[in-house]
Amino acid sequence: MANNTPSLDETLSAAQALMSERLDAVKAHKANVDAEDEARAALVERERESARTWAALLAAGWTVEELKRLDFKQPAVKAPGRPRGRARTKPEAPVTSTTLPGQASGDVTSSSAGANA
């Protein structure tokens, strides 16, 4: 009876070939993801630059309507500028202690006076 079982080396070689194909797929996907991230970062930078040049057009005296007639689209991203100040709120009225009628502000109530005695 012939032994048709592959040797350990043959099994490892076949497993390595399968792993190699899988690793190649991982490498291809990783390269694609990296390229996508780079393209996304480049787009963000391009949008910022477009916003800067749009602001320069407005500063040079162009109006939004004139620029639209020239088929320019207003950028979705605004140009960076001065940071906004914090929102200011009215200060709250100071909390004052209220006294009951007929009670001086320094008087101690009878219940607490009895507890301290």
N, C-alpha and C. Protein backbone atom coordinates (compact mmCIF):
# COMPACT_ATOMS: atom_id res chain seq x y z
N MET A 1 0.84 -1.16 0.00
CA MET A 1 0.00 0.00 0.00
C MET A 1 0.89 1.23 0.00
N ALA A 2 0.61 2.16 -0.92
CA ALA A 2 1.45 3.34 -1.07
C ALA A 2 0.97 4.42 -0.12
N ASN A 3 1.94 5.16 0.40
CA ASN A 3 1.65 6.24 1.33
C ASN A 3 1.44 7.52 0.52
N ASN A 4 0.19 8.00 0.44
CA ASN A 4 -0.13 9.21 -0.32
C ASN A 4 -0.12 10.47 0.55
N THR A 5 0.26 10.34 1.79
CA THR A 5 0.31 11.49 2.69
C THR A 5 1.51 12.35 2.34
N PRO A 6 1.29 13.67 2.14
CA PRO A 6 2.43 14.54 1.81
C PRO A 6 3.38 14.65 3.00
N SER A 7 4.61 14.91 2.68
CA SER A 7 5.61 15.06 3.74
C SER A 7 5.40 16.40 4.45
N LEU A 8 6.07 16.54 5.57
CA LEU A 8 5.98 17.78 6.33
C LEU A 8 6.44 18.96 5.50
N ASP A 9 7.52 18.78 4.75
CA ASP A 9 8.03 19.87 3.91
C ASP A 9 7.02 20.26 2.84
N GLU A 10 6.35 19.28 2.25
CA GLU A 10 5.35 19.57 1.22
C GLU A 10 4.15 20.32 1.82
N THR A 11 3.74 19.90 3.01
CA THR A 11 2.62 20.56 3.69
C THR A 11 2.97 22.00 4.05
N LEU A 12 4.17 22.19 4.58
CA LEU A 12 4.61 23.54 4.93
C LEU A 12 4.75 24.42 3.70
N SER A 13 5.23 23.84 2.63
CA SER A 13 5.38 24.60 1.38
C SER A 13 4.02 25.03 0.84
N ALA A 14 3.03 24.13 0.89
CA ALA A 14 1.69 24.47 0.43
C ALA A 14 1.06 25.54 1.33
N ALA A 15 1.26 25.41 2.63
CA ALA A 15 0.72 26.40 3.57
C ALA A 15 1.38 27.76 3.35
N GLN A 16 2.68 27.73 3.09
CA GLN A 16 3.40 28.98 2.84
C GLN A 16 2.91 29.65 1.56
N ALA A 17 2.59 28.87 0.54
CA ALA A 17 2.06 29.43 -0.71
C ALA A 17 0.71 30.09 -0.47
N LEU A 18 -0.14 29.43 0.33
CA LEU A 18 -1.43 30.02 0.66
C LEU A 18 -1.27 31.31 1.47
N MET A 19 -0.36 31.29 2.43
CA MET A 19 -0.11 32.48 3.24
C MET A 19 0.47 33.61 2.40
N SER A 20 1.30 33.26 1.45
CA SER A 20 1.90 34.26 0.58
C SER A 20 0.82 35.00 -0.21
N GLU A 21 -0.15 34.25 -0.73
CA GLU A 21 -1.25 34.87 -1.47
C GLU A 21 -2.06 35.79 -0.56
N ARG A 22 -2.30 35.35 0.66
CA ARG A 22 -3.07 36.16 1.61
C ARG A 22 -2.29 37.41 2.00
N LEU A 23 -0.98 37.25 2.20
CA LEU A 23 -0.16 38.40 2.56
C LEU A 23 -0.08 39.40 1.41
N ASP A 24 -0.05 38.90 0.18
CA ASP A 24 -0.06 39.80 -0.98
C ASP A 24 -1.34 40.62 -1.01
N ALA A 25 -2.46 39.98 -0.66
CA ALA A 25 -3.73 40.70 -0.62
C ALA A 25 -3.72 41.77 0.47
N VAL A 26 -3.12 41.45 1.61
CA VAL A 26 -3.00 42.42 2.70
C VAL A 26 -2.12 43.59 2.27
N LYS A 27 -1.00 43.30 1.61
CA LYS A 27 -0.10 44.36 1.13
C LYS A 27 -0.82 45.28 0.14
N ALA A 28 -1.58 44.69 -0.78
CA ALA A 28 -2.29 45.49 -1.78
C ALA A 28 -3.34 46.37 -1.11
N HIS A 29 -4.05 45.81 -0.15
CA HIS A 29 -5.08 46.60 0.54
C HIS A 29 -4.44 47.72 1.36
N LYS A 30 -3.36 47.42 2.04
CA LYS A 30 -2.67 48.44 2.85
C LYS A 30 -2.17 49.57 1.96
N ALA A 31 -1.63 49.26 0.81
CA ALA A 31 -1.16 50.29 -0.12
C ALA A 31 -2.33 51.16 -0.58
N ASN A 32 -3.48 50.55 -0.82
CA ASN A 32 -4.66 51.30 -1.23
C ASN A 32 -5.15 52.22 -0.12
N VAL A 33 -5.18 51.71 1.11
CA VAL A 33 -5.62 52.52 2.25
C VAL A 33 -4.68 53.70 2.46
N ASP A 34 -3.37 53.45 2.36
CA ASP A 34 -2.40 54.53 2.52
C ASP A 34 -2.56 55.59 1.43
N ALA A 35 -2.77 55.16 0.19
CA ALA A 35 -2.97 56.11 -0.91
C ALA A 35 -4.25 56.92 -0.69
N GLU A 36 -5.28 56.27 -0.19
CA GLU A 36 -6.54 56.96 0.09
C GLU A 36 -6.35 58.01 1.18
N ASP A 37 -5.62 57.66 2.24
CA ASP A 37 -5.34 58.62 3.31
C ASP A 37 -4.54 59.82 2.80
N GLU A 38 -3.55 59.55 1.95
CA GLU A 38 -2.75 60.64 1.37
C GLU A 38 -3.62 61.54 0.50
N ALA A 39 -4.50 60.94 -0.29
CA ALA A 39 -5.38 61.73 -1.16
C ALA A 39 -6.34 62.58 -0.32
N ARG A 40 -6.84 62.00 0.76
CA ARG A 40 -7.75 62.74 1.64
C ARG A 40 -7.02 63.92 2.28
N ALA A 41 -5.80 63.71 2.74
CA ALA A 41 -5.02 64.79 3.34
C ALA A 41 -4.71 65.87 2.30
N ALA A 42 -4.40 65.46 1.08
CA ALA A 42 -4.13 66.42 0.01
C ALA A 42 -5.39 67.23 -0.31
N LEU A 43 -6.56 66.59 -0.28
CA LEU A 43 -7.81 67.29 -0.54
C LEU A 43 -8.08 68.33 0.55
N VAL A 44 -7.86 67.96 1.79
CA VAL A 44 -8.07 68.90 2.90
C VAL A 44 -7.16 70.11 2.73
N GLU A 45 -5.90 69.88 2.38
CA GLU A 45 -4.96 70.99 2.18
C GLU A 45 -5.38 71.84 0.99
N ARG A 46 -5.83 71.21 -0.08
CA ARG A 46 -6.27 71.95 -1.28
C ARG A 46 -7.50 72.80 -0.94
N GLU A 47 -8.43 72.26 -0.13
CA GLU A 47 -9.61 73.03 0.27
C GLU A 47 -9.22 74.24 1.11
N ARG A 48 -8.24 74.07 2.01
CA ARG A 48 -7.76 75.20 2.81
C ARG A 48 -7.14 76.27 1.92
N GLU A 49 -6.34 75.84 0.95
CA GLU A 49 -5.70 76.79 0.04
C GLU A 49 -6.75 77.51 -0.80
N SER A 50 -7.77 76.79 -1.24
CA SER A 50 -8.85 77.40 -2.00
C SER A 50 -9.57 78.45 -1.16
N ALA A 51 -9.78 78.16 0.11
CA ALA A 51 -10.43 79.12 1.00
C ALA A 51 -9.56 80.36 1.18
N ARG A 52 -8.24 80.16 1.28
CA ARG A 52 -7.34 81.32 1.42
C ARG A 52 -7.39 82.20 0.17
N THR A 53 -7.34 81.58 -1.01
CA THR A 53 -7.36 82.38 -2.23
C THR A 53 -8.71 83.04 -2.44
N TRP A 54 -9.79 82.39 -2.01
CA TRP A 54 -11.12 83.00 -2.08
C TRP A 54 -11.15 84.25 -1.19
N ALA A 55 -10.62 84.14 0.02
CA ALA A 55 -10.57 85.29 0.92
C ALA A 55 -9.73 86.41 0.30
N ALA A 56 -8.65 86.04 -0.39
CA ALA A 56 -7.82 87.04 -1.05
C ALA A 56 -8.59 87.74 -2.17
N LEU A 57 -9.42 87.00 -2.90
CA LEU A 57 -10.26 87.61 -3.94
C LEU A 57 -11.22 88.63 -3.32
N LEU A 58 -11.85 88.26 -2.23
CA LEU A 58 -12.78 89.17 -1.56
C LEU A 58 -12.05 90.39 -1.03
N ALA A 59 -10.85 90.18 -0.48
CA ALA A 59 -10.06 91.30 0.03
C ALA A 59 -9.61 92.22 -1.10
N ALA A 60 -9.46 91.67 -2.30
CA ALA A 60 -9.05 92.47 -3.45
C ALA A 60 -10.22 93.26 -4.04
N GLY A 61 -11.41 93.07 -3.50
CA GLY A 61 -12.54 93.87 -3.95
C GLY A 61 -13.58 93.13 -4.76
N TRP A 62 -13.37 91.88 -5.06
CA TRP A 62 -14.37 91.10 -5.79
C TRP A 62 -15.55 90.83 -4.87
N THR A 63 -16.73 90.76 -5.45
CA THR A 63 -17.91 90.38 -4.68
C THR A 63 -18.23 88.91 -4.95
N VAL A 64 -18.99 88.33 -4.06
CA VAL A 64 -19.38 86.93 -4.23
C VAL A 64 -20.18 86.77 -5.52
N GLU A 65 -21.06 87.72 -5.81
CA GLU A 65 -21.85 87.64 -7.04
C GLU A 65 -20.97 87.68 -8.28
N GLU A 66 -19.97 88.56 -8.30
CA GLU A 66 -19.06 88.64 -9.45
C GLU A 66 -18.31 87.33 -9.63
N LEU A 67 -17.86 86.76 -8.54
CA LEU A 67 -17.11 85.51 -8.61
C LEU A 67 -18.00 84.36 -9.08
N LYS A 68 -19.25 84.37 -8.67
CA LYS A 68 -20.18 83.34 -9.13
C LYS A 68 -20.44 83.48 -10.62
N ARG A 69 -20.48 84.72 -11.13
CA ARG A 69 -20.66 84.92 -12.56
C ARG A 69 -19.45 84.42 -13.35
N LEU A 70 -18.30 84.35 -12.69
CA LEU A 70 -17.10 83.81 -13.32
C LEU A 70 -17.01 82.29 -13.15
N ASP A 71 -18.09 81.70 -12.67
CA ASP A 71 -18.19 80.25 -12.43
C ASP A 71 -17.27 79.75 -11.32
N PHE A 72 -16.96 80.61 -10.37
CA PHE A 72 -16.23 80.17 -9.19
C PHE A 72 -17.24 79.75 -8.13
N LYS A 73 -16.95 78.66 -7.48
CA LYS A 73 -17.81 78.20 -6.39
C LYS A 73 -17.21 78.68 -5.08
N GLN A 74 -18.08 79.12 -4.20
CA GLN A 74 -17.62 79.54 -2.89
C GLN A 74 -17.15 78.29 -2.14
N PRO A 75 -15.95 78.32 -1.57
CA PRO A 75 -15.45 77.12 -0.90
C PRO A 75 -16.31 76.75 0.31
N ALA A 76 -16.42 75.46 0.54
CA ALA A 76 -17.18 74.97 1.68
C ALA A 76 -16.44 75.24 2.98
N VAL A 77 -15.12 75.26 2.91
CA VAL A 77 -14.28 75.49 4.08
C VAL A 77 -13.95 76.97 4.12
N LYS A 78 -14.02 77.56 5.29
CA LYS A 78 -13.66 78.97 5.42
C LYS A 78 -12.17 79.09 5.72
N ALA A 79 -11.61 80.20 5.28
CA ALA A 79 -10.19 80.44 5.51
C ALA A 79 -9.95 80.64 7.00
N PRO A 80 -8.81 80.17 7.47
CA PRO A 80 -8.51 80.38 8.88
C PRO A 80 -8.31 81.86 9.15
N GLY A 81 -8.72 82.30 10.29
CA GLY A 81 -8.58 83.70 10.65
C GLY A 81 -8.32 83.82 12.13
N ARG A 82 -8.67 84.98 12.65
CA ARG A 82 -8.50 85.19 14.07
C ARG A 82 -9.42 84.26 14.84
N PRO A 83 -8.93 83.71 15.93
CA PRO A 83 -9.82 82.87 16.72
C PRO A 83 -10.90 83.73 17.37
N ARG A 84 -12.05 83.17 17.48
CA ARG A 84 -13.15 83.88 18.12
C ARG A 84 -12.88 84.00 19.61
N GLY A 85 -13.36 85.11 20.16
CA GLY A 85 -13.28 85.27 21.61
C GLY A 85 -14.34 84.41 22.27
N ARG A 86 -14.18 84.20 23.53
CA ARG A 86 -15.18 83.41 24.25
C ARG A 86 -16.46 84.21 24.38
N ALA A 87 -17.55 83.53 24.35
CA ALA A 87 -18.84 84.18 24.50
C ALA A 87 -18.92 84.77 25.89
N ARG A 88 -19.34 86.00 25.94
CA ARG A 88 -19.43 86.66 27.24
C ARG A 88 -20.87 86.61 27.72
N THR A 89 -21.00 86.32 28.99
CA THR A 89 -22.32 86.29 29.58
C THR A 89 -22.37 87.33 30.68
N LYS A 90 -23.57 87.77 31.00
CA LYS A 90 -23.71 88.74 32.08
C LYS A 90 -23.34 88.05 33.38
N PRO A 91 -22.62 88.76 34.24
CA PRO A 91 -22.31 88.13 35.53
C PRO A 91 -23.59 87.95 36.33
N GLU A 92 -23.64 86.87 37.04
CA GLU A 92 -24.83 86.60 37.84
C GLU A 92 -24.88 87.56 39.02
N ALA A 93 -26.10 87.84 39.47
CA ALA A 93 -26.27 88.70 40.64
C ALA A 93 -25.68 87.98 41.84
N PRO A 94 -25.00 88.72 42.73
CA PRO A 94 -24.41 88.05 43.90
C PRO A 94 -25.50 87.46 44.78
N VAL A 95 -25.19 86.33 45.36
CA VAL A 95 -26.14 85.67 46.25
C VAL A 95 -26.07 86.36 47.60
N THR A 96 -27.20 86.80 48.09
CA THR A 96 -27.25 87.45 49.40
C THR A 96 -28.05 86.58 50.33
N SER A 97 -27.67 86.59 51.58
CA SER A 97 -28.45 85.82 52.54
C SER A 97 -29.66 86.65 52.93
N THR A 98 -30.76 86.01 53.02
CA THR A 98 -31.98 86.71 53.39
C THR A 98 -32.29 86.42 54.84
N THR A 99 -32.80 87.41 55.50
CA THR A 99 -33.18 87.22 56.90
C THR A 99 -34.68 87.24 57.00
N LEU A 100 -35.18 86.52 57.95
CA LEU A 100 -36.61 86.50 58.19
C LEU A 100 -37.01 87.78 58.90
N PRO A 101 -38.23 88.22 58.69
CA PRO A 101 -38.67 89.43 59.39
C PRO A 101 -38.56 89.24 60.90
N GLY A 102 -38.01 90.25 61.57
CA GLY A 102 -37.86 90.20 63.02
C GLY A 102 -36.62 89.46 63.47
N GLN A 103 -35.79 89.01 62.53
CA GLN A 103 -34.59 88.27 62.89
C GLN A 103 -33.39 89.07 62.41
N ALA A 104 -32.46 89.33 63.27
CA ALA A 104 -31.25 90.06 62.88
C ALA A 104 -30.34 89.09 62.16
N SER A 105 -29.47 89.61 61.31
CA SER A 105 -28.63 88.73 60.51
C SER A 105 -27.66 87.93 61.36
N GLY A 106 -27.30 88.38 62.55
CA GLY A 106 -26.36 87.65 63.39
C GLY A 106 -27.03 86.73 64.38
N ASP A 107 -28.36 86.78 64.50
CA ASP A 107 -29.07 85.96 65.48
C ASP A 107 -28.98 84.49 65.12
N VAL A 108 -28.92 83.68 66.14
CA VAL A 108 -28.91 82.24 65.94
C VAL A 108 -30.29 81.73 66.31
N THR A 109 -30.81 80.82 65.53
CA THR A 109 -32.14 80.29 65.81
C THR A 109 -32.12 79.50 67.10
N SER A 110 -33.25 79.36 67.70
CA SER A 110 -33.34 78.70 68.99
C SER A 110 -32.98 77.23 68.91
N SER A 111 -33.27 76.57 67.79
CA SER A 111 -32.96 75.15 67.69
C SER A 111 -31.46 74.93 67.63
N SER A 112 -30.74 75.79 66.93
CA SER A 112 -29.30 75.60 66.87
C SER A 112 -28.64 76.11 68.13
N ALA A 113 -29.24 77.09 68.81
CA ALA A 113 -28.68 77.60 70.05
C ALA A 113 -28.76 76.54 71.12
N GLY A 114 -29.85 75.79 71.14
CA GLY A 114 -30.00 74.73 72.12
C GLY A 114 -29.04 73.59 71.87
N ALA A 115 -28.71 73.35 70.62
CA ALA A 115 -27.81 72.26 70.29
C ALA A 115 -26.39 72.60 70.68
N ASN A 116 -26.04 73.89 70.65
CA ASN A 116 -24.67 74.30 70.98
C ASN A 116 -24.50 74.48 72.47
N ALA A 117 -25.54 74.56 73.26
CA ALA A 117 -25.45 74.84 74.68
C ALA A 117 -25.03 73.67 75.49
